[in-house]
N, C-alpha and C. Protein backbone atom coordinates (compact mmCIF):
# COMPACT_ATOMS: atom_id res chain seq x y z
N UNK A 1 -6.33 -17.14 -16.16
CA UNK A 1 -5.45 -16.11 -16.71
C UNK A 1 -4.34 -15.83 -15.70
N UNK A 2 -3.12 -15.87 -16.14
CA UNK A 2 -2.00 -15.58 -15.24
C UNK A 2 -1.79 -14.07 -15.12
N UNK A 3 -1.26 -13.64 -13.99
CA UNK A 3 -1.04 -12.20 -13.78
C UNK A 3 -0.04 -11.64 -14.79
N UNK A 4 -0.25 -10.38 -15.14
CA UNK A 4 0.70 -9.74 -16.07
C UNK A 4 2.01 -9.45 -15.34
N UNK A 5 3.05 -9.26 -16.13
CA UNK A 5 4.36 -8.94 -15.57
C UNK A 5 4.83 -7.62 -16.15
N UNK A 6 5.28 -6.68 -15.37
CA UNK A 6 5.28 -6.81 -13.91
C UNK A 6 3.89 -6.60 -13.34
N UNK A 7 3.67 -7.24 -12.21
CA UNK A 7 2.44 -7.08 -11.44
C UNK A 7 2.56 -5.73 -10.75
N UNK A 8 1.52 -4.91 -10.81
CA UNK A 8 1.61 -3.54 -10.31
C UNK A 8 0.70 -3.32 -9.09
N UNK A 9 1.32 -2.80 -8.03
CA UNK A 9 0.62 -2.54 -6.76
C UNK A 9 0.76 -1.07 -6.40
N UNK A 10 -0.33 -0.50 -5.89
CA UNK A 10 -0.28 0.87 -5.36
C UNK A 10 -0.84 0.85 -3.94
N UNK A 11 -0.10 1.44 -3.02
CA UNK A 11 -0.53 1.57 -1.63
C UNK A 11 -1.10 2.98 -1.47
N UNK A 12 -2.31 3.08 -0.90
CA UNK A 12 -3.01 4.35 -0.86
C UNK A 12 -3.43 4.71 0.57
N UNK A 13 -3.18 5.97 0.93
CA UNK A 13 -3.70 6.54 2.17
C UNK A 13 -4.30 7.91 1.84
N UNK A 14 -4.37 8.80 2.79
CA UNK A 14 -5.02 10.09 2.57
C UNK A 14 -4.15 11.07 1.78
N UNK A 15 -2.99 11.43 2.34
CA UNK A 15 -2.16 12.45 1.71
C UNK A 15 -0.86 11.96 1.14
N UNK A 16 -0.60 10.65 1.26
CA UNK A 16 0.61 10.02 0.72
C UNK A 16 1.89 10.56 1.38
N UNK A 17 1.80 10.81 2.70
CA UNK A 17 3.01 11.22 3.42
C UNK A 17 3.28 10.38 4.66
N UNK A 18 2.34 9.53 5.07
CA UNK A 18 2.54 8.72 6.28
C UNK A 18 2.44 7.23 5.99
N UNK A 19 1.22 6.72 5.91
CA UNK A 19 1.02 5.28 5.80
C UNK A 19 1.44 4.70 4.45
N UNK A 20 1.00 5.31 3.37
CA UNK A 20 1.30 4.72 2.06
C UNK A 20 2.77 4.76 1.68
N UNK A 21 3.53 5.82 2.02
CA UNK A 21 4.96 5.74 1.73
C UNK A 21 5.65 4.64 2.53
N UNK A 22 5.22 4.46 3.79
CA UNK A 22 5.77 3.36 4.58
C UNK A 22 5.45 2.04 3.89
N UNK A 23 4.22 1.90 3.42
CA UNK A 23 3.83 0.69 2.71
C UNK A 23 4.65 0.46 1.46
N UNK A 24 4.84 1.49 0.68
CA UNK A 24 5.61 1.37 -0.56
C UNK A 24 7.06 0.95 -0.27
N UNK A 25 7.69 1.62 0.66
CA UNK A 25 9.10 1.34 0.97
C UNK A 25 9.26 -0.07 1.55
N UNK A 26 8.44 -0.43 2.50
CA UNK A 26 8.56 -1.74 3.15
C UNK A 26 8.25 -2.85 2.16
N UNK A 27 7.18 -2.72 1.42
CA UNK A 27 6.82 -3.78 0.46
C UNK A 27 7.89 -3.93 -0.62
N UNK A 28 8.39 -2.83 -1.12
CA UNK A 28 9.45 -2.88 -2.13
C UNK A 28 10.67 -3.63 -1.59
N UNK A 29 11.06 -3.33 -0.37
CA UNK A 29 12.23 -3.99 0.23
C UNK A 29 11.97 -5.48 0.47
N UNK A 30 10.79 -5.80 0.97
CA UNK A 30 10.49 -7.21 1.22
C UNK A 30 10.42 -8.00 -0.09
N UNK A 31 9.94 -7.38 -1.15
CA UNK A 31 9.91 -8.04 -2.46
C UNK A 31 11.33 -8.28 -2.97
N UNK A 32 12.23 -7.32 -2.74
CA UNK A 32 13.64 -7.52 -3.11
C UNK A 32 14.22 -8.71 -2.38
N UNK A 33 13.99 -8.76 -1.08
CA UNK A 33 14.53 -9.85 -0.26
C UNK A 33 13.98 -11.21 -0.69
N UNK A 34 12.74 -11.22 -1.19
CA UNK A 34 12.10 -12.47 -1.62
C UNK A 34 12.43 -12.84 -3.06
N UNK A 35 13.20 -11.98 -3.73
CA UNK A 35 13.56 -12.25 -5.12
C UNK A 35 12.44 -11.97 -6.11
N UNK A 36 11.49 -11.13 -5.72
CA UNK A 36 10.34 -10.82 -6.58
C UNK A 36 10.38 -9.41 -7.17
N UNK A 37 11.44 -8.68 -6.92
CA UNK A 37 11.49 -7.27 -7.34
C UNK A 37 11.38 -7.11 -8.85
N UNK A 38 11.81 -8.10 -9.61
CA UNK A 38 11.72 -7.99 -11.06
C UNK A 38 10.33 -8.33 -11.58
N UNK A 39 9.47 -8.85 -10.70
CA UNK A 39 8.13 -9.27 -11.12
C UNK A 39 7.02 -8.39 -10.58
N UNK A 40 7.35 -7.52 -9.61
CA UNK A 40 6.33 -6.69 -8.96
C UNK A 40 6.85 -5.26 -8.84
N UNK A 41 6.02 -4.30 -9.23
CA UNK A 41 6.34 -2.88 -9.10
C UNK A 41 5.38 -2.29 -8.08
N UNK A 42 5.93 -1.51 -7.13
CA UNK A 42 5.11 -0.92 -6.08
C UNK A 42 5.26 0.59 -6.12
N UNK A 43 4.14 1.29 -5.99
CA UNK A 43 4.17 2.74 -5.82
C UNK A 43 3.13 3.10 -4.78
N UNK A 44 2.92 4.39 -4.57
CA UNK A 44 1.94 4.82 -3.57
C UNK A 44 1.35 6.16 -3.98
N UNK A 45 0.22 6.48 -3.36
CA UNK A 45 -0.47 7.74 -3.65
C UNK A 45 -1.46 8.02 -2.52
N UNK A 46 -2.03 9.22 -2.57
CA UNK A 46 -3.05 9.61 -1.61
C UNK A 46 -4.37 9.88 -2.31
N UNK A 47 -5.45 9.80 -1.55
CA UNK A 47 -6.76 10.10 -2.13
C UNK A 47 -6.99 11.60 -2.25
N UNK A 48 -6.16 12.39 -1.59
CA UNK A 48 -6.27 13.85 -1.65
C UNK A 48 -4.97 14.49 -2.10
N UNK A 49 -5.06 15.75 -2.48
CA UNK A 49 -3.91 16.47 -3.05
C UNK A 49 -3.20 17.39 -2.07
N UNK A 50 -3.50 17.28 -0.79
CA UNK A 50 -2.97 18.23 0.20
C UNK A 50 -1.46 18.32 0.21
N UNK A 51 -0.78 17.23 -0.03
CA UNK A 51 0.68 17.19 0.15
C UNK A 51 1.44 16.89 -1.13
N UNK A 52 0.80 17.01 -2.28
CA UNK A 52 1.46 16.65 -3.54
C UNK A 52 2.82 17.34 -3.64
N UNK A 53 3.84 16.55 -3.93
CA UNK A 53 5.21 17.07 -4.06
C UNK A 53 6.01 17.09 -2.78
N UNK A 54 5.33 16.93 -1.63
CA UNK A 54 6.03 16.95 -0.34
C UNK A 54 6.76 15.63 -0.09
N UNK A 55 7.76 15.70 0.77
CA UNK A 55 8.43 14.50 1.23
C UNK A 55 7.51 13.77 2.20
N UNK A 56 7.85 12.53 2.50
CA UNK A 56 7.12 11.80 3.53
C UNK A 56 7.30 12.54 4.86
N UNK A 57 6.33 12.41 5.73
CA UNK A 57 6.39 13.00 7.07
C UNK A 57 7.71 12.58 7.72
N UNK A 58 8.35 13.51 8.40
CA UNK A 58 9.65 13.24 9.01
C UNK A 58 9.59 12.07 9.99
N UNK A 59 8.45 11.88 10.64
CA UNK A 59 8.31 10.76 11.58
C UNK A 59 8.21 9.43 10.85
N UNK A 60 7.60 9.43 9.65
CA UNK A 60 7.57 8.22 8.82
C UNK A 60 8.97 7.86 8.37
N UNK A 61 9.71 8.86 7.93
CA UNK A 61 11.09 8.64 7.48
C UNK A 61 11.94 8.15 8.65
N UNK A 62 11.73 8.71 9.84
CA UNK A 62 12.50 8.29 11.02
C UNK A 62 12.17 6.85 11.40
N UNK A 63 10.91 6.47 11.37
CA UNK A 63 10.53 5.08 11.68
C UNK A 63 11.15 4.13 10.67
N UNK A 64 11.09 4.49 9.40
CA UNK A 64 11.70 3.66 8.36
C UNK A 64 13.21 3.54 8.57
N UNK A 65 13.86 4.66 8.80
CA UNK A 65 15.32 4.68 8.97
C UNK A 65 15.74 3.82 10.17
N UNK A 66 15.02 3.93 11.27
CA UNK A 66 15.35 3.16 12.47
C UNK A 66 15.25 1.65 12.22
N UNK A 67 14.42 1.26 11.25
CA UNK A 67 14.25 -0.17 10.93
C UNK A 67 15.10 -0.60 9.74
N UNK A 68 15.94 0.31 9.23
CA UNK A 68 16.84 -0.05 8.15
C UNK A 68 16.32 0.21 6.74
N UNK A 69 15.26 0.97 6.63
CA UNK A 69 14.69 1.32 5.32
C UNK A 69 15.04 2.77 4.98
N UNK A 70 14.97 3.10 3.70
CA UNK A 70 15.23 4.47 3.26
C UNK A 70 13.98 5.05 2.60
N UNK A 71 13.36 6.00 3.26
CA UNK A 71 12.17 6.66 2.72
C UNK A 71 12.45 8.08 2.26
N UNK A 72 13.71 8.44 2.15
CA UNK A 72 14.07 9.83 1.88
C UNK A 72 13.73 10.31 0.47
N UNK A 73 13.59 9.42 -0.48
CA UNK A 73 13.33 9.83 -1.86
C UNK A 73 11.86 10.06 -2.16
N UNK A 74 10.99 9.72 -1.23
CA UNK A 74 9.55 9.80 -1.49
C UNK A 74 9.06 11.21 -1.74
N UNK A 75 8.15 11.34 -2.71
CA UNK A 75 7.42 12.58 -2.98
C UNK A 75 5.95 12.23 -3.11
N UNK A 76 5.11 12.94 -2.40
CA UNK A 76 3.68 12.64 -2.37
C UNK A 76 3.01 12.95 -3.70
N UNK A 77 2.01 12.15 -4.01
CA UNK A 77 1.20 12.38 -5.20
C UNK A 77 -0.23 11.94 -4.92
N UNK A 78 -1.14 12.44 -5.71
CA UNK A 78 -2.55 12.10 -5.58
C UNK A 78 -2.89 10.97 -6.56
N UNK A 79 -3.70 10.02 -6.10
CA UNK A 79 -4.10 8.92 -6.97
C UNK A 79 -4.95 9.45 -8.12
N UNK A 80 -4.61 9.05 -9.31
CA UNK A 80 -5.35 9.41 -10.52
C UNK A 80 -6.20 8.21 -10.91
N UNK A 81 -7.49 8.40 -11.04
CA UNK A 81 -8.39 7.29 -11.35
C UNK A 81 -7.98 6.56 -12.63
N UNK A 82 -7.30 7.23 -13.53
CA UNK A 82 -6.83 6.58 -14.76
C UNK A 82 -5.82 5.46 -14.45
N UNK A 83 -5.18 5.54 -13.30
CA UNK A 83 -4.20 4.51 -12.92
C UNK A 83 -4.85 3.17 -12.61
N UNK A 84 -6.16 3.14 -12.41
CA UNK A 84 -6.84 1.88 -12.13
C UNK A 84 -6.56 0.86 -13.24
N UNK A 85 -6.42 1.34 -14.46
CA UNK A 85 -6.13 0.44 -15.59
C UNK A 85 -4.72 -0.13 -15.51
N UNK A 86 -3.84 0.54 -14.77
CA UNK A 86 -2.43 0.13 -14.68
C UNK A 86 -2.11 -0.70 -13.45
N UNK A 87 -2.96 -0.65 -12.44
CA UNK A 87 -2.67 -1.37 -11.20
C UNK A 87 -3.45 -2.67 -11.13
N UNK A 88 -2.76 -3.73 -10.75
CA UNK A 88 -3.40 -5.02 -10.55
C UNK A 88 -4.01 -5.11 -9.15
N UNK A 89 -3.35 -4.46 -8.19
CA UNK A 89 -3.79 -4.49 -6.81
C UNK A 89 -3.60 -3.11 -6.21
N UNK A 90 -4.67 -2.58 -5.62
CA UNK A 90 -4.60 -1.30 -4.93
C UNK A 90 -4.90 -1.59 -3.46
N UNK A 91 -3.97 -1.19 -2.59
CA UNK A 91 -4.07 -1.48 -1.17
C UNK A 91 -4.41 -0.22 -0.39
N UNK A 92 -5.57 -0.22 0.22
CA UNK A 92 -6.05 0.92 0.99
C UNK A 92 -5.62 0.80 2.44
N UNK A 93 -5.25 1.93 3.04
CA UNK A 93 -4.85 1.92 4.44
C UNK A 93 -6.04 1.70 5.37
N UNK A 94 -7.19 2.27 5.03
CA UNK A 94 -8.36 2.12 5.89
C UNK A 94 -9.63 2.01 5.07
N UNK A 95 -10.74 1.79 5.74
CA UNK A 95 -12.02 1.57 5.04
C UNK A 95 -12.49 2.81 4.28
N UNK A 96 -12.15 3.99 4.76
CA UNK A 96 -12.51 5.22 4.04
C UNK A 96 -11.84 5.26 2.68
N UNK A 97 -10.56 4.91 2.63
CA UNK A 97 -9.84 4.86 1.35
C UNK A 97 -10.41 3.76 0.46
N UNK A 98 -10.74 2.64 1.07
CA UNK A 98 -11.32 1.52 0.33
C UNK A 98 -12.63 1.95 -0.34
N UNK A 99 -13.49 2.63 0.41
CA UNK A 99 -14.76 3.12 -0.16
C UNK A 99 -14.51 4.11 -1.29
N UNK A 100 -13.59 5.03 -1.09
CA UNK A 100 -13.29 6.03 -2.11
C UNK A 100 -12.78 5.37 -3.39
N UNK A 101 -11.81 4.49 -3.25
CA UNK A 101 -11.23 3.82 -4.42
C UNK A 101 -12.25 2.96 -5.14
N UNK A 102 -13.07 2.25 -4.37
CA UNK A 102 -14.11 1.40 -4.97
C UNK A 102 -15.14 2.25 -5.70
N UNK A 103 -15.51 3.37 -5.11
CA UNK A 103 -16.46 4.29 -5.77
C UNK A 103 -15.88 4.83 -7.06
N UNK A 104 -14.61 5.26 -7.02
CA UNK A 104 -13.97 5.76 -8.24
C UNK A 104 -13.96 4.69 -9.33
N UNK A 105 -13.63 3.46 -8.94
CA UNK A 105 -13.58 2.36 -9.91
C UNK A 105 -14.96 2.11 -10.51
N UNK A 106 -15.99 2.11 -9.68
CA UNK A 106 -17.35 1.88 -10.17
C UNK A 106 -17.78 3.00 -11.13
N UNK A 107 -17.43 4.25 -10.79
CA UNK A 107 -17.78 5.37 -11.67
C UNK A 107 -17.11 5.25 -13.04
N UNK A 108 -15.97 4.60 -13.08
CA UNK A 108 -15.25 4.43 -14.34
C UNK A 108 -15.63 3.13 -15.06
N UNK A 109 -16.53 2.36 -14.44
CA UNK A 109 -16.99 1.13 -15.06
C UNK A 109 -16.11 -0.08 -14.83
N UNK A 110 -15.20 -0.01 -13.88
CA UNK A 110 -14.33 -1.14 -13.58
C UNK A 110 -15.05 -2.15 -12.69
N UNK A 111 -14.77 -3.41 -12.92
CA UNK A 111 -15.21 -4.47 -12.04
C UNK A 111 -14.11 -4.64 -10.98
N UNK A 112 -14.49 -4.54 -9.72
CA UNK A 112 -13.53 -4.62 -8.63
C UNK A 112 -13.56 -6.01 -8.01
N UNK A 113 -12.40 -6.55 -7.76
CA UNK A 113 -12.29 -7.83 -7.08
C UNK A 113 -11.14 -8.64 -7.63
N UNK A 114 -10.83 -9.75 -6.97
CA UNK A 114 -9.69 -10.57 -7.39
C UNK A 114 -9.77 -11.03 -8.86
N UNK A 115 -10.98 -11.22 -9.35
CA UNK A 115 -11.14 -11.65 -10.74
C UNK A 115 -11.65 -10.53 -11.64
N UNK A 116 -11.69 -9.30 -11.12
CA UNK A 116 -12.18 -8.16 -11.89
C UNK A 116 -11.07 -7.42 -12.60
N UNK A 117 -11.38 -6.20 -12.99
CA UNK A 117 -10.41 -5.36 -13.69
C UNK A 117 -9.30 -4.90 -12.76
N UNK A 118 -9.66 -4.63 -11.52
CA UNK A 118 -8.68 -4.20 -10.52
C UNK A 118 -9.11 -4.75 -9.16
N UNK A 119 -8.14 -5.19 -8.40
CA UNK A 119 -8.37 -5.74 -7.08
C UNK A 119 -8.05 -4.63 -6.07
N UNK A 120 -9.03 -4.22 -5.29
CA UNK A 120 -8.85 -3.16 -4.29
C UNK A 120 -9.14 -3.79 -2.93
N UNK A 121 -8.16 -3.76 -2.05
CA UNK A 121 -8.30 -4.39 -0.74
C UNK A 121 -7.66 -3.52 0.34
N UNK A 122 -7.97 -3.86 1.58
CA UNK A 122 -7.26 -3.26 2.71
C UNK A 122 -5.90 -3.93 2.82
N UNK A 123 -4.88 -3.15 3.08
CA UNK A 123 -3.52 -3.65 3.19
C UNK A 123 -3.41 -4.77 4.22
N UNK A 124 -4.05 -4.59 5.36
CA UNK A 124 -3.90 -5.56 6.45
C UNK A 124 -4.68 -6.86 6.22
N UNK A 125 -5.41 -6.95 5.11
CA UNK A 125 -6.06 -8.22 4.78
C UNK A 125 -5.03 -9.32 4.54
N UNK A 126 -3.79 -8.95 4.32
CA UNK A 126 -2.74 -9.92 4.07
C UNK A 126 -1.98 -10.32 5.33
N UNK A 127 -2.39 -9.79 6.46
CA UNK A 127 -1.78 -10.13 7.75
C UNK A 127 -2.73 -11.06 8.50
N UNK A 128 -2.41 -12.36 8.59
CA UNK A 128 -3.33 -13.29 9.24
C UNK A 128 -3.68 -12.91 10.69
N UNK A 129 -2.74 -12.35 11.42
CA UNK A 129 -3.03 -11.94 12.80
C UNK A 129 -4.03 -10.79 12.84
N UNK A 130 -3.90 -9.84 11.91
CA UNK A 130 -4.84 -8.71 11.84
C UNK A 130 -6.23 -9.21 11.44
N UNK A 131 -6.28 -10.16 10.51
CA UNK A 131 -7.55 -10.73 10.10
C UNK A 131 -8.21 -11.44 11.28
N UNK A 132 -7.44 -12.25 12.00
CA UNK A 132 -7.98 -12.98 13.15
C UNK A 132 -8.49 -12.03 14.23
N UNK A 133 -7.80 -10.90 14.41
CA UNK A 133 -8.19 -9.93 15.43
C UNK A 133 -9.29 -8.99 14.94
N UNK A 134 -9.59 -9.02 13.64
CA UNK A 134 -10.60 -8.11 13.09
C UNK A 134 -10.12 -6.67 13.04
N UNK A 135 -8.80 -6.48 12.98
CA UNK A 135 -8.20 -5.14 12.96
C UNK A 135 -7.53 -4.93 11.61
N UNK A 136 -8.32 -4.56 10.61
CA UNK A 136 -7.82 -4.49 9.24
C UNK A 136 -7.40 -3.11 8.79
N UNK A 137 -7.60 -2.11 9.61
CA UNK A 137 -7.22 -0.75 9.22
C UNK A 137 -5.87 -0.36 9.80
N UNK A 138 -5.15 0.45 9.03
CA UNK A 138 -3.93 1.08 9.53
C UNK A 138 -4.34 2.50 9.92
N UNK A 139 -4.42 2.74 11.22
CA UNK A 139 -4.86 4.04 11.71
C UNK A 139 -3.87 5.14 11.33
N UNK A 140 -4.40 6.32 11.05
CA UNK A 140 -3.59 7.47 10.64
C UNK A 140 -2.76 7.98 11.81
N UNK A 141 -1.44 8.00 11.68
CA UNK A 141 -0.58 8.48 12.76
C UNK A 141 -0.31 9.98 12.72
N UNK A 142 -0.84 10.68 11.73
CA UNK A 142 -0.46 12.07 11.45
C UNK A 142 -0.53 12.97 12.69
N UNK A 143 -1.58 12.86 13.48
CA UNK A 143 -1.71 13.73 14.65
C UNK A 143 -1.16 13.08 15.92
N UNK A 144 -0.43 12.00 15.75
CA UNK A 144 0.12 11.28 16.88
C UNK A 144 1.60 11.54 17.10
N UNK A 145 2.21 10.60 17.77
CA UNK A 145 3.62 10.71 18.14
C UNK A 145 4.47 9.76 17.28
N UNK A 146 5.75 9.77 17.53
CA UNK A 146 6.64 8.85 16.84
C UNK A 146 6.23 7.41 17.11
N UNK A 147 5.75 7.16 18.29
CA UNK A 147 5.30 5.81 18.64
C UNK A 147 4.18 5.34 17.71
N UNK A 148 3.31 6.24 17.29
CA UNK A 148 2.23 5.89 16.36
C UNK A 148 2.80 5.51 14.99
N UNK A 149 3.84 6.21 14.57
CA UNK A 149 4.48 5.87 13.29
C UNK A 149 5.20 4.52 13.39
N UNK A 150 5.80 4.24 14.53
CA UNK A 150 6.45 2.95 14.75
C UNK A 150 5.41 1.82 14.70
N UNK A 151 4.22 2.07 15.27
CA UNK A 151 3.14 1.09 15.21
C UNK A 151 2.71 0.84 13.78
N UNK A 152 2.56 1.92 13.00
CA UNK A 152 2.20 1.79 11.59
C UNK A 152 3.24 0.94 10.86
N UNK A 153 4.51 1.21 11.11
CA UNK A 153 5.57 0.44 10.47
C UNK A 153 5.43 -1.05 10.80
N UNK A 154 5.21 -1.38 12.06
CA UNK A 154 5.08 -2.78 12.47
C UNK A 154 3.87 -3.43 11.78
N UNK A 155 2.75 -2.72 11.72
CA UNK A 155 1.56 -3.25 11.05
C UNK A 155 1.82 -3.48 9.56
N UNK A 156 2.47 -2.53 8.95
CA UNK A 156 2.77 -2.64 7.52
C UNK A 156 3.75 -3.77 7.25
N UNK A 157 4.76 -3.92 8.10
CA UNK A 157 5.72 -5.02 7.90
C UNK A 157 5.02 -6.37 7.96
N UNK A 158 4.11 -6.54 8.90
CA UNK A 158 3.36 -7.80 9.01
C UNK A 158 2.49 -8.05 7.79
N UNK A 159 1.80 -7.01 7.35
CA UNK A 159 0.95 -7.14 6.16
C UNK A 159 1.79 -7.40 4.91
N UNK A 160 2.92 -6.73 4.80
CA UNK A 160 3.80 -6.91 3.64
C UNK A 160 4.35 -8.33 3.59
N UNK A 161 4.68 -8.89 4.73
CA UNK A 161 5.17 -10.27 4.76
C UNK A 161 4.10 -11.23 4.23
N UNK A 162 2.87 -11.03 4.67
CA UNK A 162 1.77 -11.86 4.18
C UNK A 162 1.51 -11.65 2.69
N UNK A 163 1.64 -10.41 2.25
CA UNK A 163 1.43 -10.10 0.84
C UNK A 163 2.52 -10.74 -0.02
N UNK A 164 3.75 -10.71 0.44
CA UNK A 164 4.85 -11.34 -0.32
C UNK A 164 4.59 -12.85 -0.44
N UNK A 165 4.12 -13.47 0.64
CA UNK A 165 3.78 -14.89 0.56
C UNK A 165 2.67 -15.12 -0.46
N UNK A 166 1.63 -14.29 -0.41
CA UNK A 166 0.50 -14.41 -1.35
C UNK A 166 0.99 -14.21 -2.78
N UNK A 167 1.83 -13.21 -2.99
CA UNK A 167 2.34 -12.93 -4.34
C UNK A 167 3.18 -14.10 -4.86
N UNK A 168 3.97 -14.71 -3.99
CA UNK A 168 4.78 -15.86 -4.40
C UNK A 168 3.91 -16.96 -4.99
N UNK A 169 2.77 -17.20 -4.35
CA UNK A 169 1.83 -18.21 -4.87
C UNK A 169 1.06 -17.69 -6.08
N UNK A 170 0.56 -16.48 -5.98
CA UNK A 170 -0.30 -15.88 -7.02
C UNK A 170 0.43 -15.71 -8.34
N UNK A 171 1.65 -15.27 -8.29
CA UNK A 171 2.40 -15.00 -9.52
C UNK A 171 2.81 -16.29 -10.22
N UNK A 172 2.84 -17.39 -9.50
CA UNK A 172 3.22 -18.67 -10.09
C UNK A 172 2.01 -19.47 -10.55
N UNK A 173 0.80 -18.95 -10.31
CA UNK A 173 -0.40 -19.71 -10.70
C UNK A 173 -0.76 -19.49 -12.15
């Protein structure tokens, strides 16, 4: 079975103000550069409602801006389990999010996996260097410094590049 068009991806973290907005913005831009923007739709959300309606953390926006991205339009939202039917791939920032999303999917009767109803994975699974190093989580920068947000951006850019390569092959299969 070939993937549906558009292929839908959601990047998920805790409050949707740090890691997942960076993921959404970077992945969207890299898909544009690869000529896949018409075939893939990316959004983001958080597993909790703490920041619903808020802009991305100012440090996330600053890291994005310094690298040539625009994160100013972002507004946080909470992941709705009903969206599992709409997303082909859900990318979790860390193992806690992965467990939460997988549990929600199981409670709703979804089969999780590449050949299931919804594919839920860690974002950094698409970064070969992160896989080789066994470092698959994007650590939360919220209580850190600007340097922590810059690190998150670099990790996300590497994962997004690998994901774009995977999507190029996957969407043509």
